[in-house]
Amino acid sequence: MYQDMFPNTAALDIKKLLNKCPQCVYAGFDPTADSLHVGNLLVIINLLHWQRGGHNVIALLGGATGYIGDPSGRSSDRIAISSDVIANNVHSIRSNLETVFENHKKYVCSEGEDKLKPIGGSDQMGNISAGHELISRTVKKDVYGLTLPLVTTEEGDKFGKSAGNALWLDAKKTSPYSLYQYFIRTKDSDVERLLKLFTFYSLGEIKDIMFKHKQHPEERYPQMCLAEQLTTLVHGEEGLAKARQATGAIYSKDVKSLISLSSTDLEQVFEGAPVVNLLLSPGITVLKLGMLAKCFPTENDAMRIIEAGGFYINHQRIKNINEVVTESAHILPNLISLLRVGKRNYYIIKWQT
């Protein structure tokens, strides 16, 4: 899993220490945003591996780093962040980390020798070497640094971004469904490597998972294992359940799957879908609803598409433009209607009665 170490001749010394007694390992997190993202997961999971091995782990939230910025790999200075923003970011990131450790059934590690070992991404080698020098000089003890690889996809794209946007660990910024679907969409060529890096499956278990995949690749079994493991780690069993519900809401085409979701869940699932607030008044027809929601550019387009079978309310195809919208037939118990034009154009209607 590791890419490099500091000093680079310390491999034997580190092995001796690890076989001797529990050690202390820390990783730092920069509070320049109000949430960690998927790109931070490899370092977090590495801390969990150390913890599972009986070592003492520390997740260090570097508030001071937020003031001066991290120059690694940058050609310009970071924009200064106010103390209030940094304090809020530290609080939010702490919540991210506590949630992950709680979901991983955090346990208390036994005490051992205080041999600090900072770990981080391979782009942090400069910071780790500086930390090594400072700690060694301050506490007069042996210190070792370890770096993890920067994970990229087969095409060389940075891992943890969807359509160029970061996938956050905070459910308010990236829903459990979006996180789940990101991993479900993992390419076959990447999934075995990601299972090794981001899950706690043994190599034998991963071999079995990939064997099943070869037998039935259409089932995307390894992608499902990856998505379930990481969604549970980040959001817990409740988050995984919500992600599965949301997946059913989109792919099952069953109105029952929509009823189980709140209006907030629907907005997260159909992210980017226009949300329209309408007053439920007597006599609104399907045609008028489509026009009020701005599903169609013109009324002629609306009539043509609806009558051809390209318009849906709550997954049910509606072809009669004169059908009257009623609460019992077209509106969910949460006063929401989900409209769809064609295969992928969704509109969320919030009704006011």
Protein backbone atom coordinates (compact mmCIF):
# COMPACT_ATOMS: atom_id res chain seq x y z
CA MET A 1 0.00 0.00 0.00
CA TYR A 2 2.88 2.39 0.74
CA GLN A 3 4.71 4.31 -1.93
CA ASP A 4 7.66 5.74 -0.03
CA MET A 5 9.15 6.16 3.43
CA PHE A 6 11.34 8.64 5.24
CA PRO A 7 14.16 8.08 5.86
CA ASN A 8 14.22 5.89 2.77
CA THR A 9 16.56 3.37 4.46
CA ALA A 10 14.24 2.74 7.42
CA ALA A 11 12.30 -0.30 6.19
CA LEU A 12 14.10 -2.80 8.44
CA ASP A 13 13.89 -0.55 11.50
CA ILE A 14 10.14 -0.05 10.98
CA LYS A 15 9.54 -3.79 10.67
CA LYS A 16 11.47 -4.44 13.90
CA LEU A 17 9.43 -1.82 15.75
CA LEU A 18 6.11 -3.17 14.49
CA ASN A 19 7.02 -6.69 15.59
CA LYS A 20 8.15 -5.41 18.99
CA CYS A 21 5.10 -3.56 20.35
CA PRO A 22 2.27 -1.17 19.39
CA GLN A 23 3.37 2.14 17.88
CA CYS A 24 1.83 5.59 17.49
CA VAL A 25 0.79 6.66 13.97
CA TYR A 26 -0.71 9.96 12.91
CA ALA A 27 -2.02 11.60 9.75
CA GLY A 28 -2.81 15.28 9.33
CA PHE A 29 -5.86 16.77 7.60
CA ASP A 30 -5.91 20.28 6.19
CA PRO A 31 -9.03 22.29 7.22
CA THR A 32 -9.41 24.27 4.01
CA ALA A 33 -12.92 22.93 3.37
CA ASP A 34 -15.87 22.05 5.59
CA SER A 35 -15.69 18.36 4.74
CA LEU A 36 -13.19 15.70 3.81
CA HIS A 37 -13.65 14.07 0.41
CA VAL A 38 -13.21 10.65 -1.16
CA GLY A 39 -9.61 11.52 -1.98
CA ASN A 40 -8.89 11.47 1.78
CA LEU A 41 -10.27 7.96 2.23
CA LEU A 42 -7.04 6.07 1.54
CA VAL A 43 -5.25 7.83 4.40
CA ILE A 44 -8.24 7.31 6.72
CA ILE A 45 -8.48 3.62 5.84
CA ASN A 46 -4.75 3.26 6.39
CA LEU A 47 -5.20 4.66 9.90
CA LEU A 48 -7.93 2.08 10.46
CA HIS A 49 -5.58 -0.70 9.31
CA TRP A 50 -3.03 0.48 11.88
CA GLN A 51 -5.73 0.56 14.54
CA ARG A 52 -6.93 -2.94 13.64
CA GLY A 53 -3.31 -4.06 14.12
CA GLY A 54 -3.34 -2.80 17.70
CA HIS A 55 -1.50 0.49 17.18
CA ASN A 56 -2.40 3.93 18.53
CA VAL A 57 -3.66 6.25 15.79
CA ILE A 58 -4.15 10.00 15.77
CA ALA A 59 -6.08 12.01 13.19
CA LEU A 60 -4.55 15.48 13.49
CA LEU A 61 -6.66 18.44 12.34
CA GLY A 62 -4.11 21.07 11.44
CA GLY A 63 -5.87 24.32 12.26
CA ALA A 64 -2.65 26.28 11.86
CA THR A 65 -2.18 24.85 8.37
CA GLY A 66 -5.41 26.56 7.37
CA TYR A 67 -3.88 29.96 8.07
CA ILE A 68 -0.65 29.49 6.14
CA GLY A 69 -1.87 27.11 3.44
CA ASP A 70 -0.24 23.98 2.04
CA PRO A 71 2.22 24.88 -0.72
CA SER A 72 2.64 21.30 -1.94
CA GLY A 73 2.32 21.11 -5.71
CA ARG A 74 1.13 24.71 -5.99
CA SER A 75 2.54 27.63 -7.94
CA SER A 76 0.52 30.27 -6.08
CA ASP A 77 -0.42 31.05 -2.49
CA ARG A 78 -3.71 29.89 -1.08
CA ILE A 79 -6.32 32.48 -0.30
CA ALA A 80 -6.27 33.33 3.41
CA ILE A 81 -9.09 31.80 5.48
CA SER A 82 -10.63 33.55 8.49
CA SER A 83 -10.37 32.04 11.96
CA ASP A 84 -14.16 31.54 12.14
CA VAL A 85 -14.17 29.57 8.88
CA ILE A 86 -11.21 27.46 9.99
CA ALA A 87 -12.91 26.70 13.32
CA ASN A 88 -16.06 25.61 11.49
CA ASN A 89 -14.05 23.49 9.05
CA VAL A 90 -12.16 21.78 11.89
CA HIS A 91 -15.46 21.02 13.64
CA SER A 92 -16.99 19.57 10.45
CA ILE A 93 -13.94 17.48 9.55
CA ARG A 94 -13.80 16.13 13.10
CA SER A 95 -17.41 15.02 12.62
CA ASN A 96 -16.44 13.27 9.35
CA LEU A 97 -13.66 11.37 11.07
CA GLU A 98 -15.67 10.48 14.17
CA THR A 99 -18.43 9.09 11.98
CA VAL A 100 -16.02 6.89 10.01
CA PHE A 101 -14.29 5.59 13.13
CA GLU A 102 -17.64 4.94 14.82
CA ASN A 103 -18.91 3.08 11.75
CA HIS A 104 -15.75 1.01 11.88
CA LYS A 105 -16.47 -0.03 15.49
CA LYS A 106 -13.64 1.99 16.98
CA TYR A 107 -11.86 0.30 19.83
CA VAL A 108 -9.24 1.49 22.33
CA CYS A 109 -5.70 0.51 21.35
CA SER A 110 -3.16 -0.67 23.88
CA GLU A 111 -0.37 1.67 24.89
CA GLY A 112 3.06 1.16 23.41
CA GLU A 113 6.28 2.96 22.64
CA ASP A 114 5.78 6.51 21.47
CA LYS A 115 7.49 6.18 18.10
CA LEU A 116 5.60 8.63 15.93
CA LYS A 117 5.01 7.67 12.32
CA PRO A 118 3.34 10.33 10.17
CA ILE A 119 1.52 9.06 7.09
CA GLY A 120 0.03 10.93 4.15
CA GLY A 121 -0.43 11.10 0.40
CA SER A 122 2.66 10.94 -1.77
CA ASP A 123 2.26 14.65 -2.60
CA GLN A 124 2.89 15.39 1.10
CA MET A 125 6.45 14.06 1.23
CA GLY A 126 7.86 17.56 1.78
CA ASN A 127 5.60 18.14 4.76
CA ILE A 128 6.34 14.70 6.19
CA SER A 129 10.10 15.15 5.94
CA ALA A 130 9.79 18.57 7.64
CA GLY A 131 7.65 17.01 10.37
CA HIS A 132 10.21 14.24 10.78
CA GLU A 133 12.95 16.79 11.37
CA LEU A 134 10.88 18.84 13.84
CA ILE A 135 9.68 15.89 15.92
CA SER A 136 13.10 14.24 16.00
CA ARG A 137 14.71 17.47 17.19
CA THR A 138 11.98 18.24 19.74
CA VAL A 139 11.36 14.90 21.46
CA LYS A 140 14.69 13.20 20.71
CA LYS A 141 13.02 10.00 19.53
CA ASP A 142 13.05 7.95 16.35
CA VAL A 143 10.42 9.09 13.86
CA TYR A 144 9.50 7.57 10.50
CA GLY A 145 7.34 8.89 7.66
CA LEU A 146 5.26 6.86 5.22
CA THR A 147 3.47 8.01 2.08
CA LEU A 148 0.55 6.45 0.24
CA PRO A 149 0.09 6.52 -3.54
CA LEU A 150 -2.15 9.07 -5.20
CA VAL A 151 -4.95 6.94 -6.63
CA THR A 152 -6.01 7.51 -10.23
CA THR A 153 -8.33 5.72 -12.62
CA GLU A 154 -7.13 3.74 -15.63
CA GLU A 155 -7.38 6.94 -17.70
CA GLY A 156 -5.23 8.83 -15.21
CA ASP A 157 -8.10 10.87 -13.75
CA LYS A 158 -7.88 11.75 -10.08
CA PHE A 159 -9.80 9.28 -7.94
CA GLY A 160 -12.80 10.61 -6.04
CA LYS A 161 -14.21 13.13 -8.49
CA SER A 162 -17.46 12.87 -10.44
CA ALA A 163 -17.84 15.10 -13.50
CA GLY A 164 -14.91 17.14 -12.16
CA ASN A 165 -16.55 17.74 -8.77
CA ALA A 166 -15.28 16.39 -5.46
CA LEU A 167 -17.29 13.68 -3.71
CA TRP A 168 -17.56 14.79 -0.09
CA LEU A 169 -17.87 12.65 3.03
CA ASP A 170 -20.51 14.99 4.46
CA ALA A 171 -23.97 13.68 3.52
CA LYS A 172 -25.25 17.26 3.18
CA LYS A 173 -22.70 17.91 0.40
CA THR A 174 -22.72 14.50 -1.31
CA SER A 175 -25.64 12.17 -0.61
CA PRO A 176 -25.07 8.51 0.34
CA TYR A 177 -26.76 7.64 -2.97
CA SER A 178 -24.27 9.69 -5.01
CA LEU A 179 -21.34 8.12 -3.16
CA TYR A 180 -22.80 4.64 -3.64
CA GLN A 181 -23.40 5.18 -7.34
CA TYR A 182 -19.87 6.54 -7.87
CA PHE A 183 -18.42 3.21 -6.75
CA ILE A 184 -21.07 1.15 -8.52
CA ARG A 185 -19.90 2.79 -11.77
CA THR A 186 -16.27 1.72 -11.19
CA LYS A 187 -14.77 0.20 -14.32
CA ASP A 188 -13.90 -3.49 -14.36
CA SER A 189 -10.28 -2.58 -15.01
CA ASP A 190 -10.09 -0.54 -11.77
CA VAL A 191 -12.29 -2.45 -9.32
CA GLU A 192 -9.88 -5.15 -8.11
CA ARG A 193 -7.20 -2.58 -7.26
CA LEU A 194 -9.73 -0.39 -5.44
CA LEU A 195 -11.01 -3.36 -3.43
CA LYS A 196 -7.44 -3.96 -2.25
CA LEU A 197 -6.88 -0.30 -1.35
CA PHE A 198 -10.23 0.75 0.09
CA THR A 199 -11.79 -2.29 1.77
CA PHE A 200 -10.88 -4.69 4.55
CA TYR A 201 -11.40 -7.83 2.49
CA SER A 202 -8.53 -10.29 2.61
CA LEU A 203 -6.69 -11.05 -0.62
CA GLY A 204 -8.39 -14.44 -0.66
CA GLU A 205 -11.82 -12.85 -0.36
CA ILE A 206 -11.03 -10.41 -3.16
CA LYS A 207 -9.90 -13.31 -5.33
CA ASP A 208 -13.26 -15.02 -4.71
CA ILE A 209 -15.14 -11.79 -5.50
CA MET A 210 -13.32 -11.41 -8.81
CA PHE A 211 -13.92 -15.07 -9.66
CA LYS A 212 -17.68 -14.52 -9.23
CA HIS A 213 -17.36 -11.46 -11.43
CA LYS A 214 -15.80 -13.48 -14.23
CA GLN A 215 -18.71 -15.92 -14.08
CA HIS A 216 -21.40 -13.18 -14.20
CA PRO A 217 -19.86 -9.80 -15.12
CA GLU A 218 -23.27 -8.28 -15.81
CA GLU A 219 -24.10 -8.45 -12.08
CA ARG A 220 -21.20 -6.08 -11.20
CA TYR A 221 -20.64 -7.97 -7.96
CA PRO A 222 -17.21 -6.46 -7.08
CA GLN A 223 -18.53 -2.94 -7.72
CA MET A 224 -21.44 -3.68 -5.39
CA CYS A 225 -19.05 -4.96 -2.70
CA LEU A 226 -16.91 -1.83 -3.05
CA ALA A 227 -19.91 0.51 -2.95
CA GLU A 228 -21.48 -1.20 0.06
CA GLN A 229 -18.25 -1.28 2.06
CA LEU A 230 -17.40 2.38 1.51
CA THR A 231 -20.93 3.74 1.84
CA THR A 232 -21.27 1.89 5.15
CA LEU A 233 -17.88 3.15 6.32
CA VAL A 234 -18.71 6.78 5.54
CA HIS A 235 -22.46 6.89 6.29
CA GLY A 236 -23.21 3.77 8.35
CA GLU A 237 -25.90 1.15 7.82
CA GLU A 238 -28.58 3.85 7.69
CA GLY A 239 -26.75 5.63 4.88
CA LEU A 240 -26.37 2.39 2.94
CA ALA A 241 -30.10 1.71 3.35
CA LYS A 242 -30.90 5.18 1.99
CA ALA A 243 -28.56 4.64 -0.95
CA ARG A 244 -30.28 1.36 -1.78
CA GLN A 245 -33.72 2.97 -1.46
CA ALA A 246 -32.67 5.77 -3.77
CA THR A 247 -31.24 3.31 -6.28
CA GLY A 248 -34.55 1.48 -6.26
CA ALA A 249 -36.40 4.77 -6.77
CA ILE A 250 -34.55 5.34 -10.02
CA TYR A 251 -34.11 1.87 -11.45
CA SER A 252 -37.08 -0.15 -10.22
CA LYS A 253 -39.63 2.19 -11.88
CA ASP A 254 -42.00 1.28 -9.03
CA VAL A 255 -44.04 4.02 -7.37
CA LYS A 256 -43.61 2.24 -4.02
CA SER A 257 -39.90 2.99 -4.10
CA LEU A 258 -40.67 6.72 -4.38
CA ILE A 259 -43.07 6.68 -1.43
CA SER A 260 -40.26 5.54 0.89
CA LEU A 261 -38.19 8.68 0.16
CA SER A 262 -38.57 12.12 1.71
CA SER A 263 -38.64 15.25 -0.45
CA THR A 264 -35.02 15.93 0.56
CA ASP A 265 -34.03 12.40 -0.46
CA LEU A 266 -35.69 12.86 -3.84
CA GLU A 267 -33.85 16.11 -4.47
CA GLN A 268 -30.54 14.41 -3.65
CA VAL A 269 -31.31 11.35 -5.76
CA PHE A 270 -32.39 13.39 -8.78
CA GLU A 271 -29.66 15.95 -8.27
CA GLY A 272 -29.91 18.74 -10.80
CA ALA A 273 -33.58 18.13 -11.52
CA PRO A 274 -35.59 21.39 -11.51
CA VAL A 275 -37.76 21.78 -8.41
CA VAL A 276 -41.11 23.51 -9.00
CA ASN A 277 -43.54 24.64 -6.31
CA LEU A 278 -47.17 24.51 -7.45
CA LEU A 279 -50.51 25.18 -5.82
CA LEU A 280 -52.83 22.21 -6.17
CA SER A 281 -56.01 23.64 -7.62
CA PRO A 282 -58.96 21.80 -9.22
CA GLY A 283 -58.84 21.08 -12.93
CA ILE A 284 -55.08 21.02 -13.60
CA THR A 285 -54.57 18.68 -16.55
CA VAL A 286 -51.52 16.64 -17.40
CA LEU A 287 -50.83 19.02 -20.29
CA LYS A 288 -51.04 22.07 -18.03
CA LEU A 289 -48.83 20.40 -15.41
CA GLY A 290 -46.16 19.72 -18.01
CA MET A 291 -46.23 23.33 -19.15
CA LEU A 292 -46.23 24.78 -15.61
CA ALA A 293 -43.20 22.64 -14.77
CA LYS A 294 -41.52 23.83 -17.99
CA CYS A 295 -41.01 20.27 -19.15
CA PHE A 296 -41.58 21.30 -22.78
CA PRO A 297 -40.58 24.33 -24.85
CA THR A 298 -44.02 24.67 -26.51
CA GLU A 299 -47.52 23.30 -26.03
CA ASN A 300 -47.30 21.54 -29.40
CA ASP A 301 -44.17 19.74 -28.21
CA ALA A 302 -45.96 18.78 -25.00
CA MET A 303 -48.97 17.33 -26.83
CA ARG A 304 -46.79 15.40 -29.25
CA ILE A 305 -44.48 13.88 -26.61
CA ILE A 306 -47.23 13.07 -24.10
CA GLU A 307 -49.48 11.39 -26.67
CA ALA A 308 -46.48 9.42 -27.98
CA GLY A 309 -45.90 7.97 -24.48
CA GLY A 310 -42.83 9.97 -23.50
CA PHE A 311 -44.21 11.56 -20.31
CA TYR A 312 -44.32 9.95 -16.85
CA ILE A 313 -45.69 10.91 -13.44
CA ASN A 314 -44.20 8.90 -10.55
CA HIS A 315 -42.86 6.31 -13.02
CA GLN A 316 -46.31 5.83 -14.57
CA ARG A 317 -46.68 6.61 -18.29
CA ILE A 318 -49.42 9.15 -18.97
CA LYS A 319 -50.66 9.57 -22.57
CA ASN A 320 -53.90 11.48 -22.07
CA ILE A 321 -53.19 15.21 -22.17
CA ASN A 322 -56.62 15.98 -20.70
CA GLU A 323 -56.29 13.68 -17.68
CA VAL A 324 -56.92 15.72 -14.53
CA VAL A 325 -54.24 15.67 -11.84
CA THR A 326 -55.58 14.42 -8.51
CA GLU A 327 -53.93 13.92 -5.14
CA SER A 328 -54.84 10.24 -4.98
CA ALA A 329 -53.62 9.30 -8.46
CA HIS A 330 -50.69 11.59 -9.19
CA ILE A 331 -49.26 12.91 -5.92
CA LEU A 332 -47.19 10.98 -3.38
CA PRO A 333 -48.06 11.05 0.35
CA ASN A 334 -45.22 13.55 0.89
CA LEU A 335 -46.95 15.96 -1.55
CA ILE A 336 -44.36 15.36 -4.27
CA SER A 337 -44.76 14.35 -7.90
CA LEU A 338 -41.81 13.13 -9.95
CA LEU A 339 -42.14 13.98 -13.63
CA ARG A 340 -40.02 12.48 -16.36
CA VAL A 341 -39.75 13.36 -20.03
CA GLY A 342 -38.08 10.68 -22.12
CA LYS A 343 -35.53 8.51 -20.33
CA ARG A 344 -33.56 10.92 -18.15
CA ASN A 345 -35.15 14.36 -17.85
CA TYR A 346 -36.63 14.63 -14.37
CA TYR A 347 -38.67 17.38 -12.70
CA ILE A 348 -39.70 17.47 -9.03
CA ILE A 349 -43.06 19.04 -8.18
CA LYS A 350 -43.69 20.19 -4.61
CA TRP A 351 -47.42 20.65 -4.13
CA GLN A 352 -49.00 23.20 -1.82
CA THR A 353 -52.54 22.41 -0.78
